[in-house]
Amino acid sequence: MMIRYLPFIMLTIMCMLQSCNSSGRQTEEDRTADSNWHGISPLEIKNAIELFDNDWMALAVGKEGDMNAMTISWGEISELWNKPVLTVYVSSSRYTHEFMERNGYFTVTAFPENRRSSLQYIGTHSGCDGDKLKEAGLTTEFTELGNPIFKEANLAIECRIIYKAPFVKEDIAEDVAEIYDNGMGVHTMYIGEIINVWKK
């Protein structure tokens, strides 16, 4: 009698095990569904000038428990070495710079207009002085690779650093180099291969 019900019993056990195995782990698809993110192609990202100049952006880097973010308004989206790339520039005087130097990935996120005050806050306060993201009302989420993005954003771009180099002040045109006369640290250029793009 027991043998007759064996296939049913085994199927029930397998379903229970599958349920147990998946309940504690959220896949990237699950996360995307939970937060209304959906993946898009890098080709669907809007013009970089419009994106950085009009929308403003937040650069975030690090892992859960050890990360920082800052507002950026300089950046480029292009193709290099047969890869879609996003280039950002971080001054050596910014707290975020040390995070960029010790991590292999970064993210750039865009926000709706009603979050402009949040971006102003994280752009004028340092993460070494406290939890500026909490004060700005931003909620950090993490990608499958463990990189930070923000729940309140409407576009997130995840990048792998494939090149970095500090600017040489002497090689910068004289009228442009004046920006560093106020003591600002010279910027480092970080070129990131775009590996994921999500939109809401």
Protein backbone atom coordinates (compact mmCIF):
# COMPACT_ATOMS: atom_id res chain seq x y z
CA MET A 1 0.00 0.00 0.00
CA MET A 2 2.83 2.40 0.93
CA ILE A 3 4.58 1.74 -2.40
CA ARG A 4 1.50 2.94 -4.29
CA TYR A 5 1.69 6.39 -2.64
CA LEU A 6 5.48 6.69 -2.83
CA PRO A 7 5.56 8.94 -5.97
CA PHE A 8 3.03 11.31 -4.37
CA ILE A 9 5.01 11.41 -1.10
CA MET A 10 8.28 12.08 -2.94
CA LEU A 11 6.69 14.87 -5.00
CA THR A 12 5.32 16.49 -1.83
CA ILE A 13 8.76 16.34 -0.16
CA MET A 14 10.46 17.85 -3.24
CA CYS A 15 7.97 20.71 -3.32
CA MET A 16 8.53 21.38 0.37
CA LEU A 17 12.31 21.39 -0.08
CA GLN A 18 12.04 23.72 -3.08
CA SER A 19 9.90 26.08 -1.04
CA CYS A 20 12.37 26.05 1.84
CA ASN A 21 15.36 26.65 -0.42
CA SER A 22 13.82 29.60 -2.23
CA SER A 23 12.10 31.34 0.69
CA GLY A 24 15.28 32.66 2.27
CA ARG A 25 16.90 33.91 -0.91
CA GLN A 26 15.63 36.67 -3.12
CA THR A 27 16.62 36.53 -6.77
CA GLU A 28 17.36 39.64 -8.81
CA GLU A 29 14.06 39.12 -10.63
CA ASP A 30 12.22 39.03 -7.29
CA ARG A 31 13.95 42.21 -6.15
CA THR A 32 13.11 43.91 -9.41
CA ALA A 33 9.45 42.99 -9.05
CA ASP A 34 9.36 44.10 -5.42
CA SER A 35 10.78 47.54 -6.14
CA ASN A 36 9.24 48.10 -9.59
CA TRP A 37 12.66 48.08 -11.28
CA HIS A 38 12.94 46.55 -14.74
CA GLY A 39 16.08 46.04 -16.79
CA ILE A 40 16.75 48.07 -19.92
CA SER A 41 19.55 48.24 -22.49
CA PRO A 42 22.34 50.84 -22.13
CA LEU A 43 21.14 52.10 -25.53
CA GLU A 44 17.91 53.25 -23.87
CA ILE A 45 19.66 55.66 -21.48
CA LYS A 46 18.89 59.27 -22.34
CA ASN A 47 21.47 61.73 -23.63
CA ALA A 48 24.28 62.12 -21.08
CA ILE A 49 24.21 65.93 -21.13
CA GLU A 50 20.52 65.94 -20.30
CA LEU A 51 20.96 63.21 -17.72
CA PHE A 52 23.78 64.83 -15.75
CA ASP A 53 22.85 68.45 -16.25
CA ASN A 54 19.07 68.35 -15.84
CA ASP A 55 18.36 65.28 -13.73
CA TRP A 56 21.35 65.35 -11.43
CA MET A 57 22.77 62.05 -10.35
CA ALA A 58 23.98 60.25 -7.24
CA LEU A 59 27.18 58.24 -7.37
CA ALA A 60 27.22 55.41 -4.82
CA VAL A 61 30.00 52.98 -4.03
CA GLY A 62 30.80 50.32 -1.45
CA LYS A 63 28.97 47.43 0.17
CA GLU A 64 26.29 47.14 2.83
CA GLY A 65 27.63 48.61 6.07
CA ASP A 66 30.56 50.34 4.30
CA MET A 67 29.42 52.67 1.55
CA ASN A 68 29.10 56.31 0.61
CA ALA A 69 27.32 58.43 -1.97
CA MET A 70 27.61 61.91 -3.42
CA THR A 71 25.82 64.08 -5.95
CA ILE A 72 27.50 64.39 -9.34
CA SER A 73 26.78 66.61 -12.32
CA TRP A 74 29.72 65.55 -14.52
CA GLY A 75 29.71 62.35 -16.49
CA GLU A 76 29.86 60.72 -19.90
CA ILE A 77 28.15 57.76 -21.52
CA SER A 78 29.83 56.31 -24.59
CA GLU A 79 31.49 53.23 -26.04
CA LEU A 80 35.09 52.26 -25.36
CA TRP A 81 36.97 49.03 -26.05
CA ASN A 82 33.77 47.61 -27.57
CA LYS A 83 31.93 48.12 -24.28
CA PRO A 84 29.19 50.54 -23.21
CA VAL A 85 30.81 52.76 -20.58
CA LEU A 86 29.93 55.47 -18.09
CA THR A 87 32.70 57.80 -16.91
CA VAL A 88 32.56 59.73 -13.64
CA TYR A 89 34.96 62.15 -11.97
CA VAL A 90 35.60 62.29 -8.22
CA SER A 91 37.76 64.89 -6.50
CA SER A 92 40.53 63.51 -4.28
CA SER A 93 39.22 65.80 -1.54
CA ARG A 94 35.85 63.98 -1.41
CA TYR A 95 35.19 61.22 1.13
CA THR A 96 33.75 59.12 -1.70
CA HIS A 97 37.15 59.08 -3.41
CA GLU A 98 38.60 56.56 -0.95
CA PHE A 99 35.62 54.26 -1.56
CA MET A 100 36.16 54.47 -5.31
CA GLU A 101 39.81 53.58 -4.84
CA ARG A 102 39.10 50.40 -2.90
CA ASN A 103 36.04 49.08 -4.74
CA GLY A 104 35.71 47.58 -8.19
CA TYR A 105 32.16 48.75 -8.89
CA PHE A 106 30.02 51.87 -8.60
CA THR A 107 26.45 52.86 -9.38
CA VAL A 108 24.91 56.04 -10.72
CA THR A 109 21.23 56.77 -10.07
CA ALA A 110 18.84 59.46 -11.30
CA PHE A 111 15.91 60.78 -9.30
CA PRO A 112 12.58 62.47 -10.01
CA GLU A 113 12.35 66.23 -9.51
CA ASN A 114 10.72 65.87 -6.08
CA ARG A 115 13.98 64.40 -4.76
CA ARG A 116 16.10 67.42 -5.71
CA SER A 117 16.44 68.44 -2.04
CA SER A 118 17.79 64.97 -1.17
CA LEU A 119 20.50 65.33 -3.82
CA GLN A 120 21.34 68.83 -2.62
CA TYR A 121 21.76 67.46 0.89
CA ILE A 122 24.10 64.57 0.02
CA GLY A 123 26.05 66.92 -2.25
CA THR A 124 26.75 69.40 0.56
CA HIS A 125 27.30 67.04 3.52
CA SER A 126 30.06 64.48 4.11
CA GLY A 127 29.40 60.85 4.91
CA CYS A 128 32.24 60.89 7.42
CA ASP A 129 30.20 63.26 9.63
CA GLY A 130 27.17 60.98 10.02
CA ASP A 131 24.44 59.10 8.14
CA LYS A 132 23.73 61.70 5.48
CA LEU A 133 21.63 59.30 3.40
CA LYS A 134 19.18 58.82 6.26
CA GLU A 135 19.08 62.57 6.83
CA ALA A 136 18.39 63.08 3.13
CA GLY A 137 15.49 60.62 3.26
CA LEU A 138 17.07 58.08 0.91
CA THR A 139 16.64 54.32 1.24
CA THR A 140 19.56 52.14 0.14
CA GLU A 141 18.93 48.91 -1.76
CA PHE A 142 21.61 46.52 -3.01
CA THR A 143 22.00 44.77 -6.34
CA GLU A 144 22.77 41.08 -6.75
CA LEU A 145 26.46 42.06 -6.84
CA GLY A 146 26.04 43.93 -3.55
CA ASN A 147 26.30 47.45 -4.96
CA PRO A 148 24.12 50.29 -3.59
CA ILE A 149 21.23 51.91 -5.43
CA PHE A 150 18.30 53.92 -4.06
CA LYS A 151 14.65 53.00 -3.72
CA GLU A 152 13.57 56.58 -4.44
CA ALA A 153 15.48 56.72 -7.76
CA ASN A 154 13.92 56.12 -11.17
CA LEU A 155 17.07 55.04 -13.04
CA ALA A 156 20.03 52.98 -11.81
CA ILE A 157 23.22 52.16 -13.72
CA GLU A 158 25.66 49.58 -12.33
CA CYS A 159 29.27 49.75 -13.53
CA ARG A 160 32.51 47.78 -13.22
CA ILE A 161 35.60 49.97 -13.07
CA ILE A 162 37.82 49.13 -16.03
CA TYR A 163 40.13 52.17 -15.94
CA LYS A 164 41.03 54.97 -13.56
CA ALA A 165 43.52 57.82 -13.68
CA PRO A 166 43.95 61.12 -11.83
CA PHE A 167 43.96 64.32 -13.85
CA VAL A 168 47.33 66.02 -14.19
CA LYS A 169 46.68 69.68 -13.38
CA GLU A 170 49.54 70.89 -15.59
CA ASP A 171 47.90 69.21 -18.59
CA ILE A 172 44.55 70.94 -18.09
CA ALA A 173 43.82 74.09 -20.12
CA GLU A 174 44.64 77.16 -18.03
CA ASP A 175 41.15 78.62 -18.02
CA VAL A 176 39.66 75.26 -16.99
CA ALA A 177 42.30 74.52 -14.34
CA GLU A 178 41.17 77.62 -12.43
CA ILE A 179 38.51 75.44 -10.83
CA TYR A 180 41.24 73.96 -8.64
CA ASP A 181 42.54 77.33 -7.41
CA ASN A 182 40.19 77.23 -4.42
CA GLY A 183 41.94 74.19 -2.94
CA MET A 184 39.66 71.51 -4.42
CA GLY A 185 41.48 68.23 -4.94
CA VAL A 186 42.19 67.27 -8.55
CA HIS A 187 39.66 64.78 -9.91
CA THR A 188 40.24 61.14 -10.71
CA MET A 189 38.53 59.77 -13.81
CA TYR A 190 36.81 56.40 -13.41
CA ILE A 191 35.62 54.59 -16.52
CA GLY A 192 33.01 51.96 -15.72
CA GLU A 193 31.72 49.25 -18.02
CA ILE A 194 27.92 49.40 -17.86
CA ILE A 195 26.84 45.94 -16.73
CA ASN A 196 23.25 46.61 -15.65
CA VAL A 197 20.67 49.34 -16.16
CA TRP A 198 17.31 49.45 -14.38
CA LYS A 199 14.42 51.86 -14.77
CA LYS A 200 11.06 52.48 -13.11
